[in-house]
């Protein structure tokens, strides 16, 4: 029973890590293209280098937070479940 639960947590962790890495890569790509006026001026090796480094740092950050944050997630902080529920549910008046 615990093996399946552990696998689920690891699967969840890697999904979150991959999502963060993809978002970081997209942000770095957009930011590295900003200084260029046209596509023909772009130094693609420079841009890909920036994207690669940013993506690697995102993955390393997620891996380093594995034992610190919420178990089974790539989050570096522990989240109070009651507080998290208040974010997702509107308050009743």
C-alpha atoms as a PDB file:
ATOM      1  CA  UNK A   1       0.000   0.000   0.000  1.00  0.00           C
ATOM      2  CA  UNK A   2       2.776   2.471   0.895  1.00  0.00           C
ATOM      3  CA  UNK A   3       4.689   1.739  -2.313  1.00  0.00           C
ATOM      4  CA  UNK A   4       1.760   2.856  -4.475  1.00  0.00           C
ATOM      5  CA  UNK A   5       1.301   5.976  -2.362  1.00  0.00           C
ATOM      6  CA  UNK A   6       5.008   6.765  -2.680  1.00  0.00           C
ATOM      7  CA  UNK A   7       4.846   6.315  -6.453  1.00  0.00           C
ATOM      8  CA  UNK A   8       1.847   8.640  -6.651  1.00  0.00           C
ATOM      9  CA  UNK A   9       3.708  11.301  -4.678  1.00  0.00           C
ATOM     10  CA  UNK A  10       6.800  10.954  -6.871  1.00  0.00           C
ATOM     11  CA  UNK A  11       4.674  11.117 -10.030  1.00  0.00           C
ATOM     12  CA  UNK A  12       2.959  14.239  -8.705  1.00  0.00           C
ATOM     13  CA  UNK A  13       6.325  15.763  -7.788  1.00  0.00           C
ATOM     14  CA  UNK A  14       7.794  15.197 -11.251  1.00  0.00           C
ATOM     15  CA  UNK A  15       4.660  16.530 -12.962  1.00  0.00           C
ATOM     16  CA  UNK A  16       4.885  19.731 -10.926  1.00  0.00           C
ATOM     17  CA  UNK A  17       8.618  19.989 -11.563  1.00  0.00           C
ATOM     18  CA  UNK A  18       8.101  19.554 -15.302  1.00  0.00           C
ATOM     19  CA  UNK A  19       5.327  22.155 -15.348  1.00  0.00           C
ATOM     20  CA  UNK A  20       7.534  24.675 -13.564  1.00  0.00           C
ATOM     21  CA  UNK A  21      10.471  23.939 -15.857  1.00  0.00           C
ATOM     22  CA  UNK A  22       8.332  24.450 -18.987  1.00  0.00           C
ATOM     23  CA  UNK A  23       6.926  27.726 -17.658  1.00  0.00           C
ATOM     24  CA  UNK A  24      10.426  28.930 -16.775  1.00  0.00           C
ATOM     25  CA  UNK A  25      11.725  27.996 -20.231  1.00  0.00           C
ATOM     26  CA  UNK A  26       8.905  29.927 -21.908  1.00  0.00           C
ATOM     27  CA  UNK A  27       9.496  32.982 -19.731  1.00  0.00           C
ATOM     28  CA  UNK A  28      13.243  32.894 -20.368  1.00  0.00           C
ATOM     29  CA  UNK A  29      12.682  32.535 -24.124  1.00  0.00           C
ATOM     30  CA  UNK A  30      10.385  35.554 -24.226  1.00  0.00           C
ATOM     31  CA  UNK A  31      12.728  37.621 -22.066  1.00  0.00           C
ATOM     32  CA  UNK A  32      15.795  36.729 -24.139  1.00  0.00           C
ATOM     33  CA  UNK A  33      14.040  37.698 -27.389  1.00  0.00           C
ATOM     34  CA  UNK A  34      12.889  41.084 -26.073  1.00  0.00           C
ATOM     35  CA  UNK A  35      15.996  43.110 -27.054  1.00  0.00           C
ATOM     36  CA  UNK A  36      15.798  42.117 -30.731  1.00  0.00           C
ATOM     37  CA  UNK A  37      13.724  44.098 -33.239  1.00  0.00           C
ATOM     38  CA  UNK A  38      13.424  41.405 -35.904  1.00  0.00           C
ATOM     39  CA  UNK A  39      13.727  37.628 -36.041  1.00  0.00           C
ATOM     40  CA  UNK A  40      16.754  37.885 -38.343  1.00  0.00           C
ATOM     41  CA  UNK A  41      18.711  39.766 -35.643  1.00  0.00           C
ATOM     42  CA  UNK A  42      18.216  37.103 -32.955  1.00  0.00           C
ATOM     43  CA  UNK A  43      21.309  35.316 -31.676  1.00  0.00           C
ATOM     44  CA  UNK A  44      19.631  31.925 -31.292  1.00  0.00           C
ATOM     45  CA  UNK A  45      22.570  30.231 -29.533  1.00  0.00           C
ATOM     46  CA  UNK A  46      22.558  32.978 -26.921  1.00  0.00           C
ATOM     47  CA  UNK A  47      18.779  32.679 -26.417  1.00  0.00           C
ATOM     48  CA  UNK A  48      18.888  28.875 -26.196  1.00  0.00           C
ATOM     49  CA  UNK A  49      21.718  29.118 -23.676  1.00  0.00           C
ATOM     50  CA  UNK A  50      19.648  31.421 -21.482  1.00  0.00           C
ATOM     51  CA  UNK A  51      16.625  29.116 -21.773  1.00  0.00           C
ATOM     52  CA  UNK A  52      18.737  26.064 -20.938  1.00  0.00           C
ATOM     53  CA  UNK A  53      20.297  27.619 -17.858  1.00  0.00           C
ATOM     54  CA  UNK A  54      16.958  28.945 -16.581  1.00  0.00           C
ATOM     55  CA  UNK A  55      15.318  25.538 -17.100  1.00  0.00           C
ATOM     56  CA  UNK A  56      18.159  23.736 -15.337  1.00  0.00           C
ATOM     57  CA  UNK A  57      17.946  26.144 -12.392  1.00  0.00           C
ATOM     58  CA  UNK A  58      14.186  25.562 -12.188  1.00  0.00           C
ATOM     59  CA  UNK A  59      14.693  21.779 -12.075  1.00  0.00           C
ATOM     60  CA  UNK A  60      17.464  22.051  -9.476  1.00  0.00           C
ATOM     61  CA  UNK A  61      15.307  24.344  -7.341  1.00  0.00           C
ATOM     62  CA  UNK A  62      12.434  21.870  -7.448  1.00  0.00           C
ATOM     63  CA  UNK A  63      14.729  18.958  -6.589  1.00  0.00           C
ATOM     64  CA  UNK A  64      16.292  20.863  -3.710  1.00  0.00           C
ATOM     65  CA  UNK A  65      12.867  21.613  -2.253  1.00  0.00           C
ATOM     66  CA  UNK A  66      11.811  17.943  -2.275  1.00  0.00           C
ATOM     67  CA  UNK A  67      12.401  17.380   1.448  1.00  0.00           C
ATOM     68  CA  UNK A  68      11.628  20.906   2.663  1.00  0.00           C
ATOM     69  CA  UNK A  69       8.149  21.719   1.458  1.00  0.00           C
ATOM     70  CA  UNK A  70       4.847  19.918   1.206  1.00  0.00           C
ATOM     71  CA  UNK A  71       5.560  16.195   0.857  1.00  0.00           C
ATOM     72  CA  UNK A  72       5.127  14.865  -2.661  1.00  0.00           C
ATOM     73  CA  UNK A  73       5.196  18.300  -4.275  1.00  0.00           C
ATOM     74  CA  UNK A  74       7.835  20.512  -5.847  1.00  0.00           C
ATOM     75  CA  UNK A  75       6.794  23.348  -3.529  1.00  0.00           C
ATOM     76  CA  UNK A  76       9.506  24.682  -1.200  1.00  0.00           C
ATOM     77  CA  UNK A  77       7.087  25.788   1.532  1.00  0.00           C
ATOM     78  CA  UNK A  78       4.649  23.911   3.709  1.00  0.00           C
ATOM     79  CA  UNK A  79       1.063  24.894   3.130  1.00  0.00           C
ATOM     80  CA  UNK A  80      -1.535  24.851   5.856  1.00  0.00           C
ATOM     81  CA  UNK A  81      -4.472  22.821   4.445  1.00  0.00           C
ATOM     82  CA  UNK A  82      -7.098  25.125   5.992  1.00  0.00           C
ATOM     83  CA  UNK A  83      -5.382  28.165   4.526  1.00  0.00           C
ATOM     84  CA  UNK A  84      -5.149  26.490   1.111  1.00  0.00           C
ATOM     85  CA  UNK A  85      -8.859  25.658   1.150  1.00  0.00           C
ATOM     86  CA  UNK A  86      -9.690  29.301   1.896  1.00  0.00           C
ATOM     87  CA  UNK A  87      -7.849  30.289  -1.309  1.00  0.00           C
ATOM     88  CA  UNK A  88      -9.953  28.008  -3.486  1.00  0.00           C
ATOM     89  CA  UNK A  89     -13.375  28.424  -1.869  1.00  0.00           C
ATOM     90  CA  UNK A  90     -15.180  31.774  -1.879  1.00  0.00           C
ATOM     91  CA  UNK A  91     -16.266  33.090   1.495  1.00  0.00           C
ATOM     92  CA  UNK A  92     -19.925  32.856   2.342  1.00  0.00           C
ATOM     93  CA  UNK A  93     -21.565  36.103   3.358  1.00  0.00           C
END
